Amino acid sequence: MKKLITGAVALGLGGSAAWAEDLTLQLKWVTQAQFGGYYVALEKGFYEDEGLNVTIRPGGPDIAPTQVIAGGGADVVVEWMPAALSAREKGLPLVNIAQPYKSSGMMLTCLKETGVKSPEDFPGRTLGVWFFGNEFPFLSWMSQLGIPTEGGEDGVEVLKQGFNVDPLLQKQADCISTMTYNEYWQVIDAGITEDQLVTFKYEDQGVATLEDGLYVLEDRLADPAFKETLAKFVRASMKGWKYAEENSDEAAEIVLEYDETGAQTEKHQKRMMSEVAKLTAGSDGTLDEADYERTVQSLLSGGSDPVITKEPEGAWTHEITDMALN
């Protein structure tokens, strides 16, 4: 089990420590294969090769990346675009500098015995939803379907779901939020078979929004030296992600070495890394403008209560990935 140490200890006591550029990355969640590319880049020395001294800070249920970066606790954060754009509209000028995740892993997972077969069956049901910024894709989807989220026969009852699958196992909810690489498999591991489930992937419903992008504060992009540091960071990170895609089992084992809680299992992390690799495949880190526009339009189409109320301006840049790739 490794500690995410930095400075001269991390880089050795030689001359390299004297010129290493410090950078702190705040993750969206705890140490797990969802962030495998960053841990691979750290372990394999990809950051060190770029002259970077990177600190990776795990997240958790009480840690909001937007609050961390607003308070100066990180240089870069991993965040979902709905939360980032919502924060930007509210005054926190986050900018997407890279998008390692090409596809969305979010879905609703339902027990087949409830009779839910399609989204038309949602009214009158109880649906488990994550909050802390993770609720925005769901709320946007319900708005597009014209389904109220305040309960009643024509609406859905929203159960504020913890970051576990208990509401489904305990039959407190007809459907719960899951990720293709994580909670879905927790349901399976609990003894429920795949043919006992019905899943609705946000990608398949046409409402998928971008997840796990890299964001910085806009004013820091006025500093040419910081932009150079970011380009090095993105280049090394994407090298880590591509290595993780091609060597998923090894990447999972690296993640486990950095898990100071000891809460993760090898089986789960290897499976997670394999699934995550499907979501990062096809990305070189450059934000796809069509994916961005799809996300924005999904968030705008929220009826009387959209996630964002106007087209964002300056919410992303290709400058860092252009520098990194060239």
C-alpha atoms as a PDB file:
ATOM      1  CA  MET A   1       0.000   0.000   0.000  1.00  0.00           C
ATOM      2  CA  LYS A   2       1.559   3.289  -1.129  1.00  0.00           C
ATOM      3  CA  LYS A   3       1.160   6.783   0.160  1.00  0.00           C
ATOM      4  CA  LEU A   4       0.753   9.646  -2.290  1.00  0.00           C
ATOM      5  CA  ILE A   5       3.848  11.469  -1.127  1.00  0.00           C
ATOM      6  CA  THR A   6       5.308  14.412  -2.976  1.00  0.00           C
ATOM      7  CA  GLY A   7       8.339  16.686  -3.086  1.00  0.00           C
ATOM      8  CA  ALA A   8      11.921  15.551  -2.791  1.00  0.00           C
ATOM      9  CA  VAL A   9      10.888  12.225  -1.315  1.00  0.00           C
ATOM     10  CA  ALA A  10       8.682  11.380  -4.269  1.00  0.00           C
ATOM     11  CA  LEU A  11      11.243  12.352  -6.878  1.00  0.00           C
ATOM     12  CA  GLY A  12      14.345  11.325  -5.001  1.00  0.00           C
ATOM     13  CA  LEU A  13      16.873  13.617  -3.370  1.00  0.00           C
ATOM     14  CA  GLY A  14      18.770  14.352  -6.559  1.00  0.00           C
ATOM     15  CA  GLY A  15      18.706  17.416  -8.711  1.00  0.00           C
ATOM     16  CA  SER A  16      15.317  16.605 -10.285  1.00  0.00           C
ATOM     17  CA  ALA A  17      13.525  17.586  -7.079  1.00  0.00           C
ATOM     18  CA  ALA A  18      14.863  21.125  -7.360  1.00  0.00           C
ATOM     19  CA  TRP A  19      13.015  21.885 -10.556  1.00  0.00           C
ATOM     20  CA  ALA A  20       9.950  19.700 -10.227  1.00  0.00           C
ATOM     21  CA  GLU A  21       6.685  21.551 -10.791  1.00  0.00           C
ATOM     22  CA  ASP A  22       4.041  20.837  -8.147  1.00  0.00           C
ATOM     23  CA  LEU A  23       0.480  20.063  -9.160  1.00  0.00           C
ATOM     24  CA  THR A  24      -2.423  18.777  -7.073  1.00  0.00           C
ATOM     25  CA  LEU A  25      -5.241  16.736  -8.612  1.00  0.00           C
ATOM     26  CA  GLN A  26      -8.522  16.330  -6.716  1.00  0.00           C
ATOM     27  CA  LEU A  27     -10.480  13.203  -7.653  1.00  0.00           C
ATOM     28  CA  LYS A  28     -14.250  13.026  -7.729  1.00  0.00           C
ATOM     29  CA  TRP A  29     -14.398   9.876  -5.609  1.00  0.00           C
ATOM     30  CA  VAL A  30     -12.272   7.487  -3.569  1.00  0.00           C
ATOM     31  CA  THR A  31      -9.176   5.709  -4.855  1.00  0.00           C
ATOM     32  CA  GLN A  32     -10.431   3.197  -7.413  1.00  0.00           C
ATOM     33  CA  ALA A  33      -9.977   2.143 -11.031  1.00  0.00           C
ATOM     34  CA  GLN A  34     -12.296   4.935 -12.172  1.00  0.00           C
ATOM     35  CA  PHE A  35      -9.132   7.058 -11.910  1.00  0.00           C
ATOM     36  CA  GLY A  36      -6.705   4.355 -12.985  1.00  0.00           C
ATOM     37  CA  GLY A  37      -4.912   6.424 -15.606  1.00  0.00           C
ATOM     38  CA  TYR A  38      -3.700   8.975 -13.074  1.00  0.00           C
ATOM     39  CA  TYR A  39      -2.377   6.344 -10.683  1.00  0.00           C
ATOM     40  CA  VAL A  40      -0.639   4.540 -13.554  1.00  0.00           C
ATOM     41  CA  ALA A  41       0.992   7.816 -14.638  1.00  0.00           C
ATOM     42  CA  LEU A  42       2.184   8.364 -11.083  1.00  0.00           C
ATOM     43  CA  GLU A  43       3.459   4.809 -10.557  1.00  0.00           C
ATOM     44  CA  LYS A  44       5.125   4.464 -13.956  1.00  0.00           C
ATOM     45  CA  GLY A  45       6.948   7.764 -13.636  1.00  0.00           C
ATOM     46  CA  PHE A  46       5.125   9.467 -16.506  1.00  0.00           C
ATOM     47  CA  TYR A  47       4.612  12.606 -14.413  1.00  0.00           C
ATOM     48  CA  GLU A  48       8.201  12.526 -13.213  1.00  0.00           C
ATOM     49  CA  ASP A  49       9.374  12.232 -16.822  1.00  0.00           C
ATOM     50  CA  GLU A  50       7.590  15.532 -17.492  1.00  0.00           C
ATOM     51  CA  GLY A  51       9.246  17.173 -14.498  1.00  0.00           C
ATOM     52  CA  LEU A  52       6.048  17.141 -12.470  1.00  0.00           C
ATOM     53  CA  ASN A  53       5.500  16.427  -8.803  1.00  0.00           C
ATOM     54  CA  VAL A  54       1.839  15.379  -8.752  1.00  0.00           C
ATOM     55  CA  THR A  55      -0.234  14.899  -5.622  1.00  0.00           C
ATOM     56  CA  ILE A  56      -3.434  12.889  -6.097  1.00  0.00           C
ATOM     57  CA  ARG A  57      -6.100  13.588  -3.507  1.00  0.00           C
ATOM     58  CA  PRO A  58      -8.903  11.018  -3.241  1.00  0.00           C
ATOM     59  CA  GLY A  59     -12.472  12.218  -2.934  1.00  0.00           C
ATOM     60  CA  GLY A  60     -15.325  10.864  -0.873  1.00  0.00           C
ATOM     61  CA  PRO A  61     -18.978  11.388   0.060  1.00  0.00           C
ATOM     62  CA  ASP A  62     -18.223  14.654   1.843  1.00  0.00           C
ATOM     63  CA  ILE A  63     -15.779  16.064  -0.708  1.00  0.00           C
ATOM     64  CA  ALA A  64     -17.034  18.207  -3.598  1.00  0.00           C
ATOM     65  CA  PRO A  65     -14.290  18.880  -6.180  1.00  0.00           C
ATOM     66  CA  THR A  66     -15.848  22.244  -7.040  1.00  0.00           C
ATOM     67  CA  GLN A  67     -15.566  23.378  -3.430  1.00  0.00           C
ATOM     68  CA  VAL A  68     -12.002  22.086  -3.150  1.00  0.00           C
ATOM     69  CA  ILE A  69     -10.749  24.009  -6.168  1.00  0.00           C
ATOM     70  CA  ALA A  70     -12.720  27.104  -5.176  1.00  0.00           C
ATOM     71  CA  GLY A  71     -10.930  27.030  -1.834  1.00  0.00           C
ATOM     72  CA  GLY A  72      -7.499  26.638  -3.414  1.00  0.00           C
ATOM     73  CA  GLY A  73      -7.080  23.022  -2.369  1.00  0.00           C
ATOM     74  CA  ALA A  74      -6.314  21.726  -5.871  1.00  0.00           C
ATOM     75  CA  ASP A  75      -4.956  22.901  -9.213  1.00  0.00           C
ATOM     76  CA  VAL A  76      -7.034  20.481 -11.283  1.00  0.00           C
ATOM     77  CA  VAL A  77     -10.205  18.547 -10.452  1.00  0.00           C
ATOM     78  CA  VAL A  78     -11.948  15.547 -11.967  1.00  0.00           C
ATOM     79  CA  GLU A  79     -15.615  16.446 -12.335  1.00  0.00           C
ATOM     80  CA  TRP A  80     -18.692  15.590 -14.374  1.00  0.00           C
ATOM     81  CA  MET A  81     -19.601  18.272 -16.891  1.00  0.00           C
ATOM     82  CA  PRO A  82     -23.173  18.881 -15.587  1.00  0.00           C
ATOM     83  CA  ALA A  83     -21.797  19.775 -12.154  1.00  0.00           C
ATOM     84  CA  ALA A  84     -19.009  21.869 -13.695  1.00  0.00           C
ATOM     85  CA  LEU A  85     -21.355  23.848 -15.964  1.00  0.00           C
ATOM     86  CA  SER A  86     -23.850  24.350 -13.160  1.00  0.00           C
ATOM     87  CA  ALA A  87     -21.059  25.660 -10.927  1.00  0.00           C
ATOM     88  CA  ARG A  88     -19.832  27.939 -13.719  1.00  0.00           C
ATOM     89  CA  GLU A  89     -23.272  29.469 -14.172  1.00  0.00           C
ATOM     90  CA  LYS A  90     -23.402  30.088 -10.417  1.00  0.00           C
ATOM     91  CA  GLY A  91     -20.112  31.971 -10.480  1.00  0.00           C
ATOM     92  CA  LEU A  92     -17.291  29.428 -10.212  1.00  0.00           C
ATOM     93  CA  PRO A  93     -15.421  29.827 -13.548  1.00  0.00           C
ATOM     94  CA  LEU A  94     -14.416  26.237 -14.244  1.00  0.00           C
ATOM     95  CA  VAL A  95     -12.925  25.403 -17.640  1.00  0.00           C
ATOM     96  CA  ASN A  96     -12.636  21.944 -19.167  1.00  0.00           C
ATOM     97  CA  ILE A  97      -9.036  21.473 -20.323  1.00  0.00           C
ATOM     98  CA  ALA A  98      -9.227  17.774 -21.256  1.00  0.00           C
ATOM     99  CA  GLN A  99     -11.763  14.960 -21.529  1.00  0.00           C
ATOM    100  CA  PRO A 100     -10.249  11.488 -20.918  1.00  0.00           C
ATOM    101  CA  TYR A 101     -13.713   9.871 -20.727  1.00  0.00           C
ATOM    102  CA  LYS A 102     -15.332   9.614 -24.145  1.00  0.00           C
ATOM    103  CA  SER A 103     -18.479   7.713 -23.082  1.00  0.00           C
ATOM    104  CA  SER A 104     -20.848   7.745 -20.125  1.00  0.00           C
ATOM    105  CA  GLY A 105     -21.083   4.859 -17.672  1.00  0.00           C
ATOM    106  CA  MET A 106     -24.215   6.084 -15.921  1.00  0.00           C
ATOM    107  CA  MET A 107     -27.449   4.127 -15.903  1.00  0.00           C
ATOM    108  CA  LEU A 108     -30.574   3.284 -13.922  1.00  0.00           C
ATOM    109  CA  THR A 109     -30.780  -0.323 -12.786  1.00  0.00           C
ATOM    110  CA  CYS A 110     -34.204  -1.755 -11.919  1.00  0.00           C
ATOM    111  CA  LEU A 111     -35.487  -5.011 -10.569  1.00  0.00           C
ATOM    112  CA  LYS A 112     -37.394  -6.768 -13.338  1.00  0.00           C
ATOM    113  CA  GLU A 113     -39.997  -7.943 -10.818  1.00  0.00           C
ATOM    114  CA  THR A 114     -41.179  -4.345 -10.395  1.00  0.00           C
ATOM    115  CA  GLY A 115     -42.591  -4.410 -13.915  1.00  0.00           C
ATOM    116  CA  VAL A 116     -40.473  -1.524 -15.162  1.00  0.00           C
ATOM    117  CA  LYS A 117     -39.750  -2.238 -18.818  1.00  0.00           C
ATOM    118  CA  SER A 118     -39.264   1.212 -20.322  1.00  0.00           C
ATOM    119  CA  PRO A 119     -39.059   4.860 -19.226  1.00  0.00           C
ATOM    120  CA  GLU A 120     -42.813   5.081 -19.765  1.00  0.00           C
ATOM    121  CA  ASP A 121     -43.132   2.893 -16.662  1.00  0.00           C
ATOM    122  CA  PHE A 122     -41.261   5.352 -14.401  1.00  0.00           C
ATOM    123  CA  PRO A 123     -44.289   7.423 -13.231  1.00  0.00           C
ATOM    124  CA  GLY A 124     -45.488   6.279  -9.847  1.00  0.00           C
ATOM    125  CA  ARG A 125     -42.143   4.628  -9.074  1.00  0.00           C
ATOM    126  CA  THR A 126     -39.424   5.368  -6.562  1.00  0.00           C
ATOM    127  CA  LEU A 127     -36.034   5.981  -8.157  1.00  0.00           C
ATOM    128  CA  GLY A 128     -32.732   6.199  -6.329  1.00  0.00           C
ATOM    129  CA  VAL A 129     -30.662   9.216  -7.346  1.00  0.00           C
ATOM    130  CA  TRP A 130     -27.195  10.376  -6.320  1.00  0.00           C
ATOM    131  CA  PHE A 131     -26.848  14.020  -5.354  1.00  0.00           C
ATOM    132  CA  PHE A 132     -23.806  16.263  -4.720  1.00  0.00           C
ATOM    133  CA  GLY A 133     -23.877  17.292  -8.395  1.00  0.00           C
ATOM    134  CA  ASN A 134     -24.573  13.808  -9.730  1.00  0.00           C
ATOM    135  CA  GLU A 135     -28.319  14.429  -9.883  1.00  0.00           C
ATOM    136  CA  PHE A 136     -28.166  16.820 -12.834  1.00  0.00           C
ATOM    137  CA  PRO A 137     -28.167  14.230 -15.651  1.00  0.00           C
ATOM    138  CA  PHE A 138     -31.129  12.447 -14.039  1.00  0.00           C
ATOM    139  CA  LEU A 139     -33.143  15.640 -13.539  1.00  0.00           C
ATOM    140  CA  SER A 140     -32.466  16.670 -17.118  1.00  0.00           C
ATOM    141  CA  TRP A 141     -33.630  13.258 -18.376  1.00  0.00           C
ATOM    142  CA  MET A 142     -36.859  13.404 -16.376  1.00  0.00           C
ATOM    143  CA  SER A 143     -37.523  16.926 -17.650  1.00  0.00           C
ATOM    144  CA  GLN A 144     -37.116  15.765 -21.240  1.00  0.00           C
ATOM    145  CA  LEU A 145     -39.544  12.931 -20.547  1.00  0.00           C
ATOM    146  CA  GLY A 146     -41.980  15.361 -18.956  1.00  0.00           C
ATOM    147  CA  ILE A 147     -41.977  13.394 -15.702  1.00  0.00           C
ATOM    148  CA  PRO A 148     -42.198  15.467 -12.493  1.00  0.00           C
ATOM    149  CA  THR A 149     -39.771  14.565  -9.726  1.00  0.00           C
ATOM    150  CA  GLU A 150     -42.020  15.491  -6.801  1.00  0.00           C
ATOM    151  CA  GLY A 151     -43.845  12.185  -6.623  1.00  0.00           C
ATOM    152  CA  GLY A 152     -47.485  11.429  -7.361  1.00  0.00           C
ATOM    153  CA  GLU A 153     -49.081   9.112  -9.889  1.00  0.00           C
ATOM    154  CA  ASP A 154     -47.705  11.050 -12.849  1.00  0.00           C
ATOM    155  CA  GLY A 155     -44.284  11.670 -11.350  1.00  0.00           C
ATOM    156  CA  VAL A 156     -41.452   9.812  -9.703  1.00  0.00           C
ATOM    157  CA  GLU A 157     -40.498   9.751  -6.051  1.00  0.00           C
ATOM    158  CA  VAL A 158     -36.810  10.580  -5.807  1.00  0.00           C
ATOM    159  CA  LEU A 159     -34.948   8.692  -3.119  1.00  0.00           C
ATOM    160  CA  LYS A 160     -31.723  10.442  -2.176  1.00  0.00           C
ATOM    161  CA  GLN A 161     -29.418   7.495  -2.720  1.00  0.00           C
ATOM    162  CA  GLY A 162     -26.217   6.966  -0.808  1.00  0.00           C
ATOM    163  CA  PHE A 163     -23.202   5.758  -2.725  1.00  0.00           C
ATOM    164  CA  ASN A 164     -24.272   2.130  -2.376  1.00  0.00           C
ATOM    165  CA  VAL A 165     -26.930  -0.221  -3.781  1.00  0.00           C
ATOM    166  CA  ASP A 166     -28.860  -0.843  -0.558  1.00  0.00           C
ATOM    167  CA  PRO A 167     -32.133   0.776  -1.755  1.00  0.00           C
ATOM    168  CA  LEU A 168     -32.449  -1.833  -4.513  1.00  0.00           C
ATOM    169  CA  LEU A 169     -31.382  -4.775  -2.380  1.00  0.00           C
ATOM    170  CA  GLN A 170     -33.774  -3.716   0.379  1.00  0.00           C
ATOM    171  CA  LYS A 171     -36.492  -2.922  -2.171  1.00  0.00           C
ATOM    172  CA  GLN A 172     -36.817   0.664  -1.042  1.00  0.00           C
ATOM    173  CA  ALA A 173     -36.589   1.769  -4.674  1.00  0.00           C
ATOM    174  CA  ASP A 174     -37.724   0.276  -7.963  1.00  0.00           C
ATOM    175  CA  CYS A 175     -34.573   1.527  -9.695  1.00  0.00           C
ATOM    176  CA  ILE A 176     -31.280   2.989  -8.527  1.00  0.00           C
ATOM    177  CA  SER A 177     -28.400   4.907 -10.030  1.00  0.00           C
ATOM    178  CA  THR A 178     -25.446   2.738 -11.007  1.00  0.00           C
ATOM    179  CA  MET A 179     -22.288   2.996 -13.061  1.00  0.00           C
ATOM    180  CA  THR A 180     -21.425   0.332 -15.603  1.00  0.00           C
ATOM    181  CA  TYR A 181     -18.061  -0.112 -13.911  1.00  0.00           C
ATOM    182  CA  ASN A 182     -19.068  -0.075 -10.250  1.00  0.00           C
ATOM    183  CA  GLU A 183     -22.472  -0.256  -8.556  1.00  0.00           C
ATOM    184  CA  TYR A 184     -24.039  -2.508 -11.200  1.00  0.00           C
ATOM    185  CA  TRP A 185     -21.517  -5.186 -10.280  1.00  0.00           C
ATOM    186  CA  GLN A 186     -22.176  -4.638  -6.599  1.00  0.00           C
ATOM    187  CA  VAL A 187     -25.771  -5.651  -7.313  1.00  0.00           C
ATOM    188  CA  ILE A 188     -24.563  -8.756  -9.136  1.00  0.00           C
ATOM    189  CA  ASP A 189     -22.151  -9.617  -6.330  1.00  0.00           C
ATOM    190  CA  ALA A 190     -25.055  -9.362  -3.879  1.00  0.00           C
ATOM    191  CA  GLY A 191     -26.643 -12.393  -5.548  1.00  0.00           C
ATOM    192  CA  ILE A 192     -29.030 -10.809  -8.055  1.00  0.00           C
ATOM    193  CA  THR A 193     -28.574 -12.224 -11.532  1.00  0.00           C
ATOM    194  CA  GLU A 194     -28.357 -10.134 -14.682  1.00  0.00           C
ATOM    195  CA  ASP A 195     -31.607 -11.595 -16.026  1.00  0.00           C
ATOM    196  CA  GLN A 196     -33.377 -10.300 -12.916  1.00  0.00           C
ATOM    197  CA  LEU A 197     -32.453  -6.737 -13.846  1.00  0.00           C
ATOM    198  CA  VAL A 198     -33.491  -4.117 -16.379  1.00  0.00           C
ATOM    199  CA  THR A 199     -30.985  -1.383 -17.159  1.00  0.00           C
ATOM    200  CA  PHE A 200     -31.326   1.994 -18.855  1.00  0.00           C
ATOM    201  CA  LYS A 201     -27.996   3.405 -19.976  1.00  0.00           C
ATOM    202  CA  TYR A 202     -28.031   7.159 -20.359  1.00  0.00           C
ATOM    203  CA  GLU A 203     -26.043   6.713 -23.585  1.00  0.00           C
ATOM    204  CA  ASP A 204     -28.837   4.568 -25.044  1.00  0.00           C
ATOM    205  CA  GLN A 205     -31.503   7.074 -23.982  1.00  0.00           C
ATOM    206  CA  GLY A 206     -29.780   9.908 -25.809  1.00  0.00           C
ATOM    207  CA  VAL A 207     -29.289  11.907 -22.618  1.00  0.00           C
ATOM    208  CA  ALA A 208     -25.721  10.961 -21.725  1.00  0.00           C
ATOM    209  CA  THR A 209     -23.610  13.825 -20.447  1.00  0.00           C
ATOM    210  CA  LEU A 210     -19.836  13.977 -20.219  1.00  0.00           C
ATOM    211  CA  GLU A 211     -18.206  12.502 -17.129  1.00  0.00           C
ATOM    212  CA  ASP A 212     -14.766  12.662 -15.504  1.00  0.00           C
ATOM    213  CA  GLY A 213     -13.285  15.630 -17.323  1.00  0.00           C
ATOM    214  CA  LEU A 214     -10.339  17.709 -16.090  1.00  0.00           C
ATOM    215  CA  TYR A 215     -11.157  21.245 -14.952  1.00  0.00           C
ATOM    216  CA  VAL A 216      -9.215  24.287 -13.775  1.00  0.00           C
ATOM    217  CA  LEU A 217     -10.163  27.819 -12.761  1.00  0.00           C
ATOM    218  CA  GLU A 218     -10.338  30.181 -15.724  1.00  0.00           C
ATOM    219  CA  ASP A 219      -8.125  32.928 -14.335  1.00  0.00           C
ATOM    220  CA  ARG A 220      -5.205  30.525 -13.966  1.00  0.00           C
ATOM    221  CA  LEU A 221      -5.165  29.982 -17.718  1.00  0.00           C
ATOM    222  CA  ALA A 222      -3.845  33.523 -18.089  1.00  0.00           C
ATOM    223  CA  ASP A 223      -0.496  32.263 -16.776  1.00  0.00           C
ATOM    224  CA  PRO A 224       1.656  30.827 -19.617  1.00  0.00           C
ATOM    225  CA  ALA A 225       3.790  28.842 -17.155  1.00  0.00           C
ATOM    226  CA  PHE A 226       0.733  27.192 -15.634  1.00  0.00           C
ATOM    227  CA  LYS A 227      -0.542  26.290 -19.101  1.00  0.00           C
ATOM    228  CA  GLU A 228       2.778  24.582 -19.835  1.00  0.00           C
ATOM    229  CA  THR A 229       2.447  22.653 -16.580  1.00  0.00           C
ATOM    230  CA  LEU A 230      -1.089  21.614 -17.497  1.00  0.00           C
ATOM    231  CA  ALA A 231       0.030  20.445 -20.936  1.00  0.00           C
ATOM    232  CA  LYS A 232       2.680  18.244 -19.324  1.00  0.00           C
ATOM    233  CA  PHE A 233       0.109  16.919 -16.867  1.00  0.00           C
ATOM    234  CA  VAL A 234      -2.433  16.086 -19.569  1.00  0.00           C
ATOM    235  CA  ARG A 235       0.205  14.458 -21.773  1.00  0.00           C
ATOM    236  CA  ALA A 236       1.424  12.237 -18.932  1.00  0.00           C
ATOM    237  CA  SER A 237      -2.132  11.490 -17.751  1.00  0.00           C
ATOM    238  CA  MET A 238      -3.277  10.372 -21.184  1.00  0.00           C
ATOM    239  CA  LYS A 239      -0.174   8.190 -21.451  1.00  0.00           C
ATOM    240  CA  GLY A 240      -1.313   6.650 -18.185  1.00  0.00           C
ATOM    241  CA  TRP A 241      -4.835   6.137 -19.477  1.00  0.00           C
ATOM    242  CA  LYS A 242      -3.713   4.449 -22.677  1.00  0.00           C
ATOM    243  CA  TYR A 243      -1.410   2.175 -20.692  1.00  0.00           C
ATOM    244  CA  ALA A 244      -4.312   1.348 -18.378  1.00  0.00           C
ATOM    245  CA  GLU A 245      -6.561   0.495 -21.325  1.00  0.00           C
ATOM    246  CA  GLU A 246      -4.000  -1.941 -22.705  1.00  0.00           C
ATOM    247  CA  ASN A 247      -2.967  -3.375 -19.335  1.00  0.00           C
ATOM    248  CA  SER A 248      -6.153  -3.237 -17.275  1.00  0.00           C
ATOM    249  CA  ASP A 249      -5.245  -5.921 -14.743  1.00  0.00           C
ATOM    250  CA  GLU A 250      -1.879  -4.317 -14.014  1.00  0.00           C
ATOM    251  CA  ALA A 251      -3.533  -0.908 -13.765  1.00  0.00           C
ATOM    252  CA  ALA A 252      -6.033  -2.275 -11.238  1.00  0.00           C
ATOM    253  CA  GLU A 253      -3.196  -3.693  -9.160  1.00  0.00           C
ATOM    254  CA  ILE A 254      -1.495  -0.285  -9.191  1.00  0.00           C
ATOM    255  CA  VAL A 255      -4.705   1.339  -7.962  1.00  0.00           C
ATOM    256  CA  LEU A 256      -4.899  -1.170  -5.127  1.00  0.00           C
ATOM    257  CA  GLU A 257      -1.374  -0.228  -4.048  1.00  0.00           C
ATOM    258  CA  TYR A 258      -2.511   3.370  -3.565  1.00  0.00           C
ATOM    259  CA  ASP A 259      -5.748   2.514  -1.733  1.00  0.00           C
ATOM    260  CA  GLU A 260      -4.878   3.457   1.832  1.00  0.00           C
ATOM    261  CA  THR A 261      -8.290   2.363   3.123  1.00  0.00           C
ATOM    262  CA  GLY A 262      -7.865  -1.263   2.090  1.00  0.00           C
ATOM    263  CA  ALA A 263     -11.565  -1.240   1.189  1.00  0.00           C
ATOM    264  CA  GLN A 264     -11.153  -2.308  -2.440  1.00  0.00           C
ATOM    265  CA  THR A 265     -10.882  -5.897  -3.643  1.00  0.00           C
ATOM    266  CA  GLU A 266      -8.750  -7.166  -6.490  1.00  0.00           C
ATOM    267  CA  LYS A 267     -11.708  -8.807  -8.233  1.00  0.00           C
ATOM    268  CA  HIS A 268     -13.794  -5.638  -8.168  1.00  0.00           C
ATOM    269  CA  GLN A 269     -10.978  -3.319  -9.237  1.00  0.00           C
ATOM    270  CA  LYS A 270      -9.911  -5.514 -12.142  1.00  0.00           C
ATOM    271  CA  ARG A 271     -13.489  -5.692 -13.346  1.00  0.00           C
ATOM    272  CA  MET A 272     -13.884  -1.944 -12.875  1.00  0.00           C
ATOM    273  CA  MET A 273     -10.719  -1.157 -14.799  1.00  0.00           C
ATOM    274  CA  SER A 274     -11.856  -3.372 -17.655  1.00  0.00           C
ATOM    275  CA  GLU A 275     -15.182  -1.510 -17.852  1.00  0.00           C
ATOM    276  CA  VAL A 276     -13.620   1.932 -17.442  1.00  0.00           C
ATOM    277  CA  ALA A 277     -11.281   1.180 -20.348  1.00  0.00           C
ATOM    278  CA  LYS A 278     -14.377   0.989 -22.575  1.00  0.00           C
ATOM    279  CA  LEU A 279     -15.301   4.552 -21.581  1.00  0.00           C
ATOM    280  CA  THR A 280     -11.877   6.119 -22.148  1.00  0.00           C
ATOM    281  CA  ALA A 281     -11.320   4.253 -25.419  1.00  0.00           C
ATOM    282  CA  GLY A 282     -11.230   6.575 -28.401  1.00  0.00           C
ATOM    283  CA  SER A 283     -10.156   9.656 -26.455  1.00  0.00           C
ATOM    284  CA  ASP A 284      -6.769  11.307 -26.755  1.00  0.00           C
ATOM    285  CA  GLY A 285      -7.850  13.799 -24.114  1.00  0.00           C
ATOM    286  CA  THR A 286      -9.313  16.327 -26.552  1.00  0.00           C
ATOM    287  CA  LEU A 287     -12.871  17.395 -25.799  1.00  0.00           C
ATOM    288  CA  ASP A 288     -15.188  16.450 -28.667  1.00  0.00           C
ATOM    289  CA  GLU A 289     -17.248  19.550 -29.470  1.00  0.00           C
ATOM    290  CA  ALA A 290     -20.233  17.451 -30.529  1.00  0.00           C
ATOM    291  CA  ASP A 291     -20.192  15.652 -27.168  1.00  0.00           C
ATOM    292  CA  TYR A 292     -19.977  19.005 -25.429  1.00  0.00           C
ATOM    293  CA  GLU A 293     -22.929  20.407 -27.384  1.00  0.00           C
ATOM    294  CA  ARG A 294     -24.979  17.277 -26.656  1.00  0.00           C
ATOM    295  CA  THR A 295     -24.294  17.731 -22.958  1.00  0.00           C
ATOM    296  CA  VAL A 296     -25.198  21.414 -23.017  1.00  0.00           C
ATOM    297  CA  GLN A 297     -28.444  20.848 -24.900  1.00  0.00           C
ATOM    298  CA  SER A 298     -29.405  18.066 -22.527  1.00  0.00           C
ATOM    299  CA  LEU A 299     -28.848  20.352 -19.547  1.00  0.00           C
ATOM    300  CA  LEU A 300     -30.722  23.250 -21.145  1.00  0.00           C
ATOM    301  CA  SER A 301     -33.793  21.158 -21.969  1.00  0.00           C
ATOM    302  CA  GLY A 302     -35.042  20.991 -18.427  1.00  0.00           C
ATOM    303  CA  GLY A 303     -38.449  22.619 -18.844  1.00  0.00           C
ATOM    304  CA  SER A 304     -39.168  25.105 -16.065  1.00  0.00           C
ATOM    305  CA  ASP A 305     -36.181  23.974 -14.020  1.00  0.00           C
ATOM    306  CA  PRO A 306     -33.188  23.331 -16.337  1.00  0.00           C
ATOM    307  CA  VAL A 307     -29.762  22.509 -14.935  1.00  0.00           C
ATOM    308  CA  ILE A 308     -28.339  25.546 -16.743  1.00  0.00           C
ATOM    309  CA  THR A 309     -30.363  28.430 -18.150  1.00  0.00           C
ATOM    310  CA  LYS A 310     -28.133  29.707 -20.952  1.00  0.00           C
ATOM    311  CA  GLU A 311     -25.416  28.575 -23.330  1.00  0.00           C
ATOM    312  CA  PRO A 312     -22.110  28.657 -21.458  1.00  0.00           C
ATOM    313  CA  GLU A 313     -19.287  30.813 -22.804  1.00  0.00           C
ATOM    314  CA  GLY A 314     -15.631  29.969 -22.311  1.00  0.00           C
ATOM    315  CA  ALA A 315     -16.411  26.708 -20.521  1.00  0.00           C
ATOM    316  CA  TRP A 316     -13.799  24.688 -22.410  1.00  0.00           C
ATOM    317  CA  THR A 317     -10.552  25.053 -24.288  1.00  0.00           C
ATOM    318  CA  HIS A 318      -8.520  22.930 -26.686  1.00  0.00           C
ATOM    319  CA  GLU A 319      -5.397  24.965 -25.978  1.00  0.00           C
ATOM    320  CA  ILE A 320      -4.015  22.594 -23.350  1.00  0.00           C
ATOM    321  CA  THR A 321      -4.627  19.379 -25.285  1.00  0.00           C
ATOM    322  CA  ASP A 322      -3.225  21.005 -28.438  1.00  0.00           C
ATOM    323  CA  MET A 323      -0.057  21.832 -26.510  1.00  0.00           C
ATOM    324  CA  ALA A 324       0.039  18.351 -24.961  1.00  0.00           C
ATOM    325  CA  LEU A 325      -0.401  16.489 -28.236  1.00  0.00           C
ATOM    326  CA  ASN A 326       1.975  18.660 -30.247  1.00  0.00           C
END
